[in-house]
C-alpha atoms as a PDB file:
ATOM      1  CA  MET A   1    -131.274 -46.089   0.753  1.00  0.00           C
ATOM      2  CA  ALA A   2    -130.157 -49.254  -0.999  1.00  0.00           C
ATOM      3  CA  ASP A   3    -126.544 -48.770  -0.102  1.00  0.00           C
ATOM      4  CA  PHE A   4    -127.347 -48.823   3.602  1.00  0.00           C
ATOM      5  CA  GLN A   5    -128.382 -51.811   5.711  1.00  0.00           C
ATOM      6  CA  ILE A   6    -130.440 -50.372   8.571  1.00  0.00           C
ATOM      7  CA  GLU A   7    -131.722 -51.935  11.727  1.00  0.00           C
ATOM      8  CA  TRP A   8    -133.957 -49.976  14.045  1.00  0.00           C
ATOM      9  CA  VAL A   9    -134.403 -51.233  17.616  1.00  0.00           C
ATOM     10  CA  ASN A  10    -136.339 -49.930  20.528  1.00  0.00           C
ATOM     11  CA  GLU A  11    -133.392 -49.904  22.867  1.00  0.00           C
ATOM     12  CA  THR A  12    -129.746 -50.736  23.292  1.00  0.00           C
ATOM     13  CA  GLY A  13    -126.839 -49.758  25.427  1.00  0.00           C
ATOM     14  CA  SER A  14    -124.959 -47.840  22.865  1.00  0.00           C
ATOM     15  CA  THR A  15    -125.312 -48.030  18.958  1.00  0.00           C
ATOM     16  CA  ASN A  16    -121.571 -47.287  18.678  1.00  0.00           C
ATOM     17  CA  ALA A  17    -120.582 -50.025  21.102  1.00  0.00           C
ATOM     18  CA  ASP A  18    -122.831 -52.450  19.332  1.00  0.00           C
ATOM     19  CA  LEU A  19    -121.364 -51.631  15.968  1.00  0.00           C
ATOM     20  CA  LEU A  20    -117.725 -51.630  17.124  1.00  0.00           C
ATOM     21  CA  THR A  21    -118.281 -55.260  18.141  1.00  0.00           C
ATOM     22  CA  ALA A  22    -119.954 -55.885  14.648  1.00  0.00           C
ATOM     23  CA  ALA A  23    -117.241 -54.192  12.742  1.00  0.00           C
ATOM     24  CA  ARG A  24    -114.476 -56.316  14.471  1.00  0.00           C
ATOM     25  CA  GLN A  25    -116.442 -59.409  13.530  1.00  0.00           C
ATOM     26  CA  GLY A  26    -116.694 -58.362   9.867  1.00  0.00           C
ATOM     27  CA  ALA A  27    -119.715 -56.322   9.539  1.00  0.00           C
ATOM     28  CA  GLU A  28    -120.109 -54.741   6.075  1.00  0.00           C
ATOM     29  CA  ALA A  29    -119.581 -51.160   5.287  1.00  0.00           C
ATOM     30  CA  ASN A  30    -122.717 -49.021   5.511  1.00  0.00           C
ATOM     31  CA  THR A  31    -124.282 -51.079   8.194  1.00  0.00           C
ATOM     32  CA  VAL A  32    -126.494 -48.702  10.328  1.00  0.00           C
ATOM     33  CA  LEU A  33    -127.982 -49.321  13.767  1.00  0.00           C
ATOM     34  CA  VAL A  34    -130.647 -46.818  15.137  1.00  0.00           C
ATOM     35  CA  ALA A  35    -132.170 -46.981  18.516  1.00  0.00           C
ATOM     36  CA  ASP A  36    -135.149 -45.089  19.977  1.00  0.00           C
ATOM     37  CA  TYR A  37    -133.328 -45.263  23.339  1.00  0.00           C
ATOM     38  CA  GLN A  38    -129.775 -45.693  24.595  1.00  0.00           C
ATOM     39  CA  SER A  39    -129.187 -46.714  28.219  1.00  0.00           C
ATOM     40  CA  ALA A  40    -125.452 -46.154  27.837  1.00  0.00           C
ATOM     41  CA  GLY A  41    -125.145 -43.369  25.215  1.00  0.00           C
ATOM     42  CA  ARG A  42    -121.657 -41.802  25.176  1.00  0.00           C
ATOM     43  CA  GLY A  43    -120.154 -38.593  24.139  1.00  0.00           C
ATOM     44  CA  ARG A  44    -116.576 -37.485  24.053  1.00  0.00           C
ATOM     45  CA  ARG A  45    -114.336 -38.827  26.702  1.00  0.00           C
ATOM     46  CA  GLY A  46    -117.005 -41.384  27.731  1.00  0.00           C
ATOM     47  CA  ARG A  47    -119.442 -38.777  28.948  1.00  0.00           C
ATOM     48  CA  ALA A  48    -123.012 -40.112  29.535  1.00  0.00           C
ATOM     49  CA  TRP A  49    -125.761 -38.662  27.292  1.00  0.00           C
ATOM     50  CA  GLU A  50    -129.312 -39.930  28.030  1.00  0.00           C
ATOM     51  CA  ALA A  51    -132.341 -38.872  26.018  1.00  0.00           C
ATOM     52  CA  ALA A  52    -136.088 -39.661  26.498  1.00  0.00           C
ATOM     53  CA  PRO A  53    -137.153 -42.674  24.459  1.00  0.00           C
ATOM     54  CA  GLY A  54    -138.209 -41.740  20.948  1.00  0.00           C
ATOM     55  CA  SER A  55    -137.133 -37.981  21.232  1.00  0.00           C
ATOM     56  CA  SER A  56    -133.881 -38.102  19.384  1.00  0.00           C
ATOM     57  CA  LEU A  57    -132.341 -39.638  16.323  1.00  0.00           C
ATOM     58  CA  LEU A  58    -129.700 -41.919  17.757  1.00  0.00           C
ATOM     59  CA  PHE A  59    -127.743 -44.005  15.250  1.00  0.00           C
ATOM     60  CA  SER A  60    -124.304 -45.254  14.204  1.00  0.00           C
ATOM     61  CA  VAL A  61    -122.814 -46.249  10.904  1.00  0.00           C
ATOM     62  CA  VAL A  62    -119.945 -48.661  10.022  1.00  0.00           C
ATOM     63  CA  VAL A  63    -117.635 -47.403   7.324  1.00  0.00           C
ATOM     64  CA  ARG A  64    -114.503 -48.958   5.882  1.00  0.00           C
ATOM     65  CA  PRO A  65    -112.824 -45.948   4.006  1.00  0.00           C
ATOM     66  CA  GLN A  66    -109.443 -46.422   2.202  1.00  0.00           C
ATOM     67  CA  ILE A  67    -107.771 -43.711   4.200  1.00  0.00           C
ATOM     68  CA  ASP A  68    -104.809 -43.406   6.566  1.00  0.00           C
ATOM     69  CA  VAL A  69    -105.439 -43.687  10.364  1.00  0.00           C
ATOM     70  CA  GLU A  70    -104.538 -39.995  10.682  1.00  0.00           C
ATOM     71  CA  ARG A  71    -107.506 -39.025   8.564  1.00  0.00           C
ATOM     72  CA  ALA A  72    -110.114 -41.076  10.312  1.00  0.00           C
ATOM     73  CA  HIS A  73    -111.386 -38.005  12.007  1.00  0.00           C
ATOM     74  CA  LEU A  74    -112.643 -36.666   8.684  1.00  0.00           C
ATOM     75  CA  VAL A  75    -115.465 -39.191   9.016  1.00  0.00           C
ATOM     76  CA  THR A  76    -116.824 -37.231  11.767  1.00  0.00           C
ATOM     77  CA  THR A  77    -116.858 -34.111   9.620  1.00  0.00           C
ATOM     78  CA  ALA A  78    -118.505 -35.972   6.779  1.00  0.00           C
ATOM     79  CA  LEU A  79    -121.453 -37.097   9.053  1.00  0.00           C
ATOM     80  CA  ALA A  80    -121.770 -33.541  10.501  1.00  0.00           C
ATOM     81  CA  LEU A  81    -121.955 -32.055   7.204  1.00  0.00           C
ATOM     82  CA  GLY A  82    -124.528 -34.517   6.037  1.00  0.00           C
ATOM     83  CA  ALA A  83    -126.641 -33.761   9.059  1.00  0.00           C
ATOM     84  CA  LEU A  84    -126.371 -30.108   8.537  1.00  0.00           C
ATOM     85  CA  GLY A  85    -127.723 -30.355   5.031  1.00  0.00           C
ATOM     86  CA  ALA A  86    -130.547 -32.537   6.156  1.00  0.00           C
ATOM     87  CA  CYS A  87    -131.501 -30.135   8.857  1.00  0.00           C
ATOM     88  CA  ASP A  88    -131.584 -27.365   6.260  1.00  0.00           C
ATOM     89  CA  SER A  89    -133.558 -29.226   3.699  1.00  0.00           C
ATOM     90  CA  LEU A  90    -136.198 -30.848   5.963  1.00  0.00           C
ATOM     91  CA  ALA A  91    -136.555 -28.231   8.742  1.00  0.00           C
ATOM     92  CA  GLY A  92    -135.133 -24.961   7.254  1.00  0.00           C
ATOM     93  CA  VAL A  93    -132.706 -25.025  10.099  1.00  0.00           C
ATOM     94  CA  GLN A  94    -128.994 -24.084   9.386  1.00  0.00           C
ATOM     95  CA  PRO A  95    -126.899 -25.247  12.354  1.00  0.00           C
ATOM     96  CA  GLY A  96    -123.247 -24.296  12.682  1.00  0.00           C
ATOM     97  CA  LEU A  97    -120.435 -26.769  13.207  1.00  0.00           C
ATOM     98  CA  LYS A  98    -118.723 -26.403  16.452  1.00  0.00           C
ATOM     99  CA  TRP A  99    -115.311 -27.975  16.174  1.00  0.00           C
ATOM    100  CA  PRO A 100    -114.691 -30.754  16.346  1.00  0.00           C
ATOM    101  CA  ASN A 101    -117.975 -32.773  16.541  1.00  0.00           C
ATOM    102  CA  ASP A 102    -121.073 -30.709  17.460  1.00  0.00           C
ATOM    103  CA  LEU A 103    -123.960 -29.035  15.617  1.00  0.00           C
ATOM    104  CA  VAL A 104    -125.129 -25.825  17.317  1.00  0.00           C
ATOM    105  CA  VAL A 105    -127.924 -23.450  16.856  1.00  0.00           C
ATOM    106  CA  GLY A 106    -127.707 -20.040  18.821  1.00  0.00           C
ATOM    107  CA  GLY A 107    -124.803 -21.428  20.835  1.00  0.00           C
ATOM    108  CA  ARG A 108    -126.802 -24.426  21.983  1.00  0.00           C
ATOM    109  CA  LYS A 109    -126.037 -27.960  21.196  1.00  0.00           C
ATOM    110  CA  LEU A 110    -128.344 -29.705  18.614  1.00  0.00           C
ATOM    111  CA  ALA A 111    -126.252 -32.767  17.889  1.00  0.00           C
ATOM    112  CA  GLY A 112    -123.059 -34.586  18.672  1.00  0.00           C
ATOM    113  CA  VAL A 113    -120.963 -36.928  16.571  1.00  0.00           C
ATOM    114  CA  LEU A 114    -118.629 -39.669  18.036  1.00  0.00           C
ATOM    115  CA  ALA A 115    -116.186 -41.618  15.778  1.00  0.00           C
ATOM    116  CA  GLU A 116    -114.283 -44.565  16.934  1.00  0.00           C
ATOM    117  CA  SER A 117    -111.799 -46.571  14.894  1.00  0.00           C
ATOM    118  CA  VAL A 118    -110.831 -50.185  14.351  1.00  0.00           C
ATOM    119  CA  VAL A 119    -107.178 -50.418  13.704  1.00  0.00           C
ATOM    120  CA  ALA A 120    -105.144 -53.523  12.949  1.00  0.00           C
ATOM    121  CA  GLY A 121    -101.322 -53.609  12.185  1.00  0.00           C
ATOM    122  CA  GLY A 122    -101.324 -49.784  11.823  1.00  0.00           C
ATOM    123  CA  ARG A 123    -104.068 -50.078   9.208  1.00  0.00           C
ATOM    124  CA  LEU A 124    -107.556 -48.498   9.515  1.00  0.00           C
ATOM    125  CA  GLU A 125    -109.954 -51.418   9.107  1.00  0.00           C
ATOM    126  CA  ALA A 126    -113.177 -49.566   9.953  1.00  0.00           C
ATOM    127  CA  VAL A 127    -114.669 -46.479  11.492  1.00  0.00           C
ATOM    128  CA  VAL A 128    -117.982 -46.568  13.482  1.00  0.00           C
ATOM    129  CA  VAL A 129    -119.432 -43.030  13.677  1.00  0.00           C
ATOM    130  CA  GLY A 130    -122.515 -42.263  15.677  1.00  0.00           C
ATOM    131  CA  MET A 131    -124.797 -39.152  16.070  1.00  0.00           C
ATOM    132  CA  GLY A 132    -127.262 -38.203  18.629  1.00  0.00           C
ATOM    133  CA  LEU A 133    -129.600 -35.351  17.353  1.00  0.00           C
ATOM    134  CA  ASN A 134    -132.182 -33.751  19.486  1.00  0.00           C
ATOM    135  CA  VAL A 135    -135.431 -33.861  17.476  1.00  0.00           C
ATOM    136  CA  GLN A 136    -138.396 -33.393  19.879  1.00  0.00           C
ATOM    137  CA  THR A 137    -138.729 -30.865  22.674  1.00  0.00           C
ATOM    138  CA  GLY A 138    -137.332 -32.426  25.875  1.00  0.00           C
ATOM    139  CA  ALA A 139    -134.893 -34.666  23.974  1.00  0.00           C
ATOM    140  CA  ALA A 140    -131.932 -33.237  25.993  1.00  0.00           C
ATOM    141  CA  PRO A 141    -131.162 -34.551  29.447  1.00  0.00           C
ATOM    142  CA  SER A 142    -132.537 -32.161  32.202  1.00  0.00           C
ATOM    143  CA  GLU A 143    -128.955 -31.078  33.189  1.00  0.00           C
ATOM    144  CA  ALA A 144    -128.368 -29.845  29.657  1.00  0.00           C
ATOM    145  CA  VAL A 145    -131.669 -28.055  29.204  1.00  0.00           C
ATOM    146  CA  ASP A 146    -129.931 -24.590  29.222  1.00  0.00           C
ATOM    147  CA  THR A 147    -127.202 -25.649  26.741  1.00  0.00           C
ATOM    148  CA  ALA A 148    -129.038 -27.849  24.248  1.00  0.00           C
ATOM    149  CA  VAL A 149    -131.763 -27.393  21.791  1.00  0.00           C
ATOM    150  CA  ALA A 150    -134.068 -29.756  19.760  1.00  0.00           C
ATOM    151  CA  LEU A 151    -134.802 -29.408  15.971  1.00  0.00           C
ATOM    152  CA  GLU A 152    -138.497 -29.059  16.471  1.00  0.00           C
ATOM    153  CA  ASP A 153    -137.907 -26.191  18.977  1.00  0.00           C
ATOM    154  CA  VAL A 154    -136.247 -24.237  16.248  1.00  0.00           C
ATOM    155  CA  CYS A 155    -138.436 -25.020  13.189  1.00  0.00           C
ATOM    156  CA  GLY A 156    -141.742 -25.244  14.985  1.00  0.00           C
ATOM    157  CA  ALA A 157    -142.856 -28.335  13.046  1.00  0.00           C
ATOM    158  CA  VAL A 158    -143.004 -32.033  13.590  1.00  0.00           C
ATOM    159  CA  ILE A 159    -140.004 -33.822  12.013  1.00  0.00           C
ATOM    160  CA  ASP A 160    -140.065 -37.555  10.959  1.00  0.00           C
ATOM    161  CA  ARG A 161    -137.008 -39.255  12.305  1.00  0.00           C
ATOM    162  CA  ARG A 162    -136.880 -41.828   9.613  1.00  0.00           C
ATOM    163  CA  GLU A 163    -137.034 -39.224   6.906  1.00  0.00           C
ATOM    164  CA  LEU A 164    -134.409 -37.221   8.694  1.00  0.00           C
ATOM    165  CA  LEU A 165    -132.179 -40.355   8.927  1.00  0.00           C
ATOM    166  CA  GLY A 166    -132.540 -41.005   5.195  1.00  0.00           C
ATOM    167  CA  GLU A 167    -131.562 -37.447   4.344  1.00  0.00           C
ATOM    168  CA  ILE A 168    -128.527 -37.588   6.677  1.00  0.00           C
ATOM    169  CA  LEU A 169    -127.290 -40.781   5.221  1.00  0.00           C
ATOM    170  CA  ILE A 170    -127.571 -39.508   1.723  1.00  0.00           C
ATOM    171  CA  GLY A 171    -125.495 -36.458   2.565  1.00  0.00           C
ATOM    172  CA  PHE A 172    -123.077 -38.579   4.536  1.00  0.00           C
ATOM    173  CA  ALA A 173    -122.465 -40.859   1.608  1.00  0.00           C
ATOM    174  CA  GLN A 174    -121.801 -37.964  -0.635  1.00  0.00           C
ATOM    175  CA  TRP A 175    -119.328 -36.476   1.830  1.00  0.00           C
ATOM    176  CA  MET A 176    -117.564 -39.813   2.373  1.00  0.00           C
ATOM    177  CA  GLY A 177    -116.912 -39.867  -1.434  1.00  0.00           C
ATOM    178  CA  GLU A 178    -114.935 -36.568  -0.833  1.00  0.00           C
ATOM    179  CA  VAL A 179    -113.150 -38.057   2.178  1.00  0.00           C
ATOM    180  CA  GLU A 180    -111.906 -41.109   0.050  1.00  0.00           C
ATOM    181  CA  GLY A 181    -111.126 -38.963  -3.109  1.00  0.00           C
ATOM    182  CA  ALA A 182    -107.516 -37.840  -3.605  1.00  0.00           C
ATOM    183  CA  GLY A 183    -108.560 -34.304  -4.163  1.00  0.00           C
ATOM    184  CA  GLY A 184    -111.858 -34.250  -2.389  1.00  0.00           C
ATOM    185  CA  ARG A 185    -110.567 -33.683   1.182  1.00  0.00           C
ATOM    186  CA  ALA A 186    -110.015 -30.123   0.356  1.00  0.00           C
ATOM    187  CA  ALA A 187    -113.645 -29.641  -0.544  1.00  0.00           C
ATOM    188  CA  LEU A 188    -114.634 -31.279   2.827  1.00  0.00           C
ATOM    189  CA  VAL A 189    -112.423 -29.016   4.885  1.00  0.00           C
ATOM    190  CA  ALA A 190    -113.529 -26.008   2.883  1.00  0.00           C
ATOM    191  CA  ALA A 191    -117.162 -26.830   3.583  1.00  0.00           C
ATOM    192  CA  ALA A 192    -116.305 -27.319   7.278  1.00  0.00           C
ATOM    193  CA  ARG A 193    -114.633 -23.854   7.295  1.00  0.00           C
ATOM    194  CA  ARG A 194    -117.607 -22.310   5.630  1.00  0.00           C
ATOM    195  CA  GLU A 195    -120.145 -23.787   8.214  1.00  0.00           C
ATOM    196  CA  SER A 196    -117.982 -23.373  11.233  1.00  0.00           C
ATOM    197  CA  ALA A 197    -119.413 -21.827  14.410  1.00  0.00           C
ATOM    198  CA  THR A 198    -115.907 -21.814  15.950  1.00  0.00           C
ATOM    199  CA  LEU A 199    -113.650 -19.985  13.549  1.00  0.00           C
ATOM    200  CA  GLY A 200    -113.238 -16.329  14.461  1.00  0.00           C
ATOM    201  CA  ARG A 201    -114.091 -16.777  17.990  1.00  0.00           C
ATOM    202  CA  GLN A 202    -112.006 -16.718  21.173  1.00  0.00           C
ATOM    203  CA  VAL A 203    -111.974 -20.327  22.493  1.00  0.00           C
ATOM    204  CA  SER A 204    -110.779 -22.276  25.359  1.00  0.00           C
ATOM    205  CA  VAL A 205    -109.557 -25.802  24.375  1.00  0.00           C
ATOM    206  CA  GLU A 206    -108.937 -28.651  26.800  1.00  0.00           C
ATOM    207  CA  LEU A 207    -106.428 -31.239  25.562  1.00  0.00           C
ATOM    208  CA  GLY A 208    -106.355 -34.790  26.408  1.00  0.00           C
ATOM    209  CA  ASP A 209    -103.670 -34.373  29.093  1.00  0.00           C
ATOM    210  CA  GLY A 210    -105.695 -31.621  30.748  1.00  0.00           C
ATOM    211  CA  THR A 211    -103.652 -28.734  29.327  1.00  0.00           C
ATOM    212  CA  VAL A 212    -105.983 -25.776  28.518  1.00  0.00           C
ATOM    213  CA  LEU A 213    -105.159 -23.392  25.547  1.00  0.00           C
ATOM    214  CA  GLU A 214    -106.993 -20.130  24.961  1.00  0.00           C
ATOM    215  CA  GLY A 215    -106.865 -18.012  21.853  1.00  0.00           C
ATOM    216  CA  LEU A 216    -108.538 -17.057  18.561  1.00  0.00           C
ATOM    217  CA  ALA A 217    -109.830 -19.986  16.508  1.00  0.00           C
ATOM    218  CA  GLN A 218    -108.250 -18.856  13.140  1.00  0.00           C
ATOM    219  CA  ASP A 219    -108.451 -21.600  10.615  1.00  0.00           C
ATOM    220  CA  LEU A 220    -108.699 -25.354   9.829  1.00  0.00           C
ATOM    221  CA  ASP A 221    -105.729 -26.887   8.226  1.00  0.00           C
ATOM    222  CA  GLU A 222    -105.869 -29.265   5.332  1.00  0.00           C
ATOM    223  CA  ARG A 223    -106.427 -32.280   7.670  1.00  0.00           C
ATOM    224  CA  GLY A 224    -109.111 -30.637   9.546  1.00  0.00           C
ATOM    225  CA  ALA A 225    -107.193 -29.710  12.680  1.00  0.00           C
ATOM    226  CA  LEU A 226    -108.039 -26.469  14.476  1.00  0.00           C
ATOM    227  CA  LEU A 227    -105.391 -23.633  14.171  1.00  0.00           C
ATOM    228  CA  LEU A 228    -105.216 -21.069  16.794  1.00  0.00           C
ATOM    229  CA  GLU A 229    -103.757 -17.645  16.463  1.00  0.00           C
ATOM    230  CA  GLY A 230    -100.132 -17.915  17.056  1.00  0.00           C
ATOM    231  CA  GLY A 231     -99.553 -21.236  15.187  1.00  0.00           C
ATOM    232  CA  GLN A 232    -100.948 -23.635  17.810  1.00  0.00           C
ATOM    233  CA  ARG A 233    -102.448 -26.745  16.075  1.00  0.00           C
ATOM    234  CA  VAL A 234    -105.088 -28.793  17.880  1.00  0.00           C
ATOM    235  CA  VAL A 235    -105.910 -32.218  16.532  1.00  0.00           C
ATOM    236  CA  VAL A 236    -108.122 -33.412  19.523  1.00  0.00           C
ATOM    237  CA  GLY A 237    -109.600 -31.186  22.210  1.00  0.00           C
ATOM    238  CA  ASP A 238    -112.841 -30.153  23.868  1.00  0.00           C
ATOM    239  CA  VAL A 239    -113.715 -26.598  22.868  1.00  0.00           C
ATOM    240  CA  VAL A 240    -115.630 -23.872  24.760  1.00  0.00           C
ATOM    241  CA  HIS A 241    -116.754 -20.782  22.896  1.00  0.00           C
ATOM    242  CA  LEU A 242    -115.894 -17.862  25.277  1.00  0.00           C
ATOM    243  CA  ARG A 243    -118.620 -15.369  25.856  1.00  0.00           C
ATOM    244  CA  GLY A 244    -118.584 -11.827  24.540  1.00  0.00           C
ATOM    245  CA  GLN A 245    -117.055 -12.818  21.271  1.00  0.00           C
ATOM    246  CA  SER A 246    -118.374 -12.672  17.668  1.00  0.00           C
ATOM    247  CA  GLY A 247    -119.315 -15.735  16.055  1.00  0.00           C
ATOM    248  CA  SER A 248    -121.959 -17.666  14.056  1.00  0.00           C
ATOM    249  CA  PRO A 249    -124.754 -20.123  14.813  1.00  0.00           C
END
């Protein structure tokens, strides 16, 4: 863990918000902030997410990759793949990747990833990528109890959050090497295809402007965008897996 500078606090509003401020003030790459509790945790589109203190692994990382702004979303994939490997190695649990930013088990959400960029003059200065991973039973908010799952629910054993963080960061660092490598992005996208819980399913996708697309999730392109049957390409959107369709985890 020598390459990561880790601070673990009891409580904060949002680890992502804290590190975005720090990144703008020059925080070094691989600065990590972990919190036992977030009072203003956020998901996509600013949705609130509140977990019981100490029940989840809640953390964010600053990275400063030498990549174009258009490829910043691959940092999300790198962290998701790192977490997937850690869940497998520590708990024997193999989640699927629900495009674009969730880990799921049996169709229920195990973790979410949120990446936010710092851009100056059209150049990507930093990416702050955060994860909330349900570890203990009861980690999910009461309103999400039917759609979320915790790692310990699935594996039936106690998971040490610090050990889990270490494994995730090791995997994340390895995948970030692929993100920044000229030829490695293909390996990253290939892994995302292989672990996908979305490809091969009928999905509904809500775009940022409120438009809703439906169709078969057919593939990911070389930049990690979702391709629907018929040629529609989705770079950013909220995906719902439609019931009654074949799929994976």
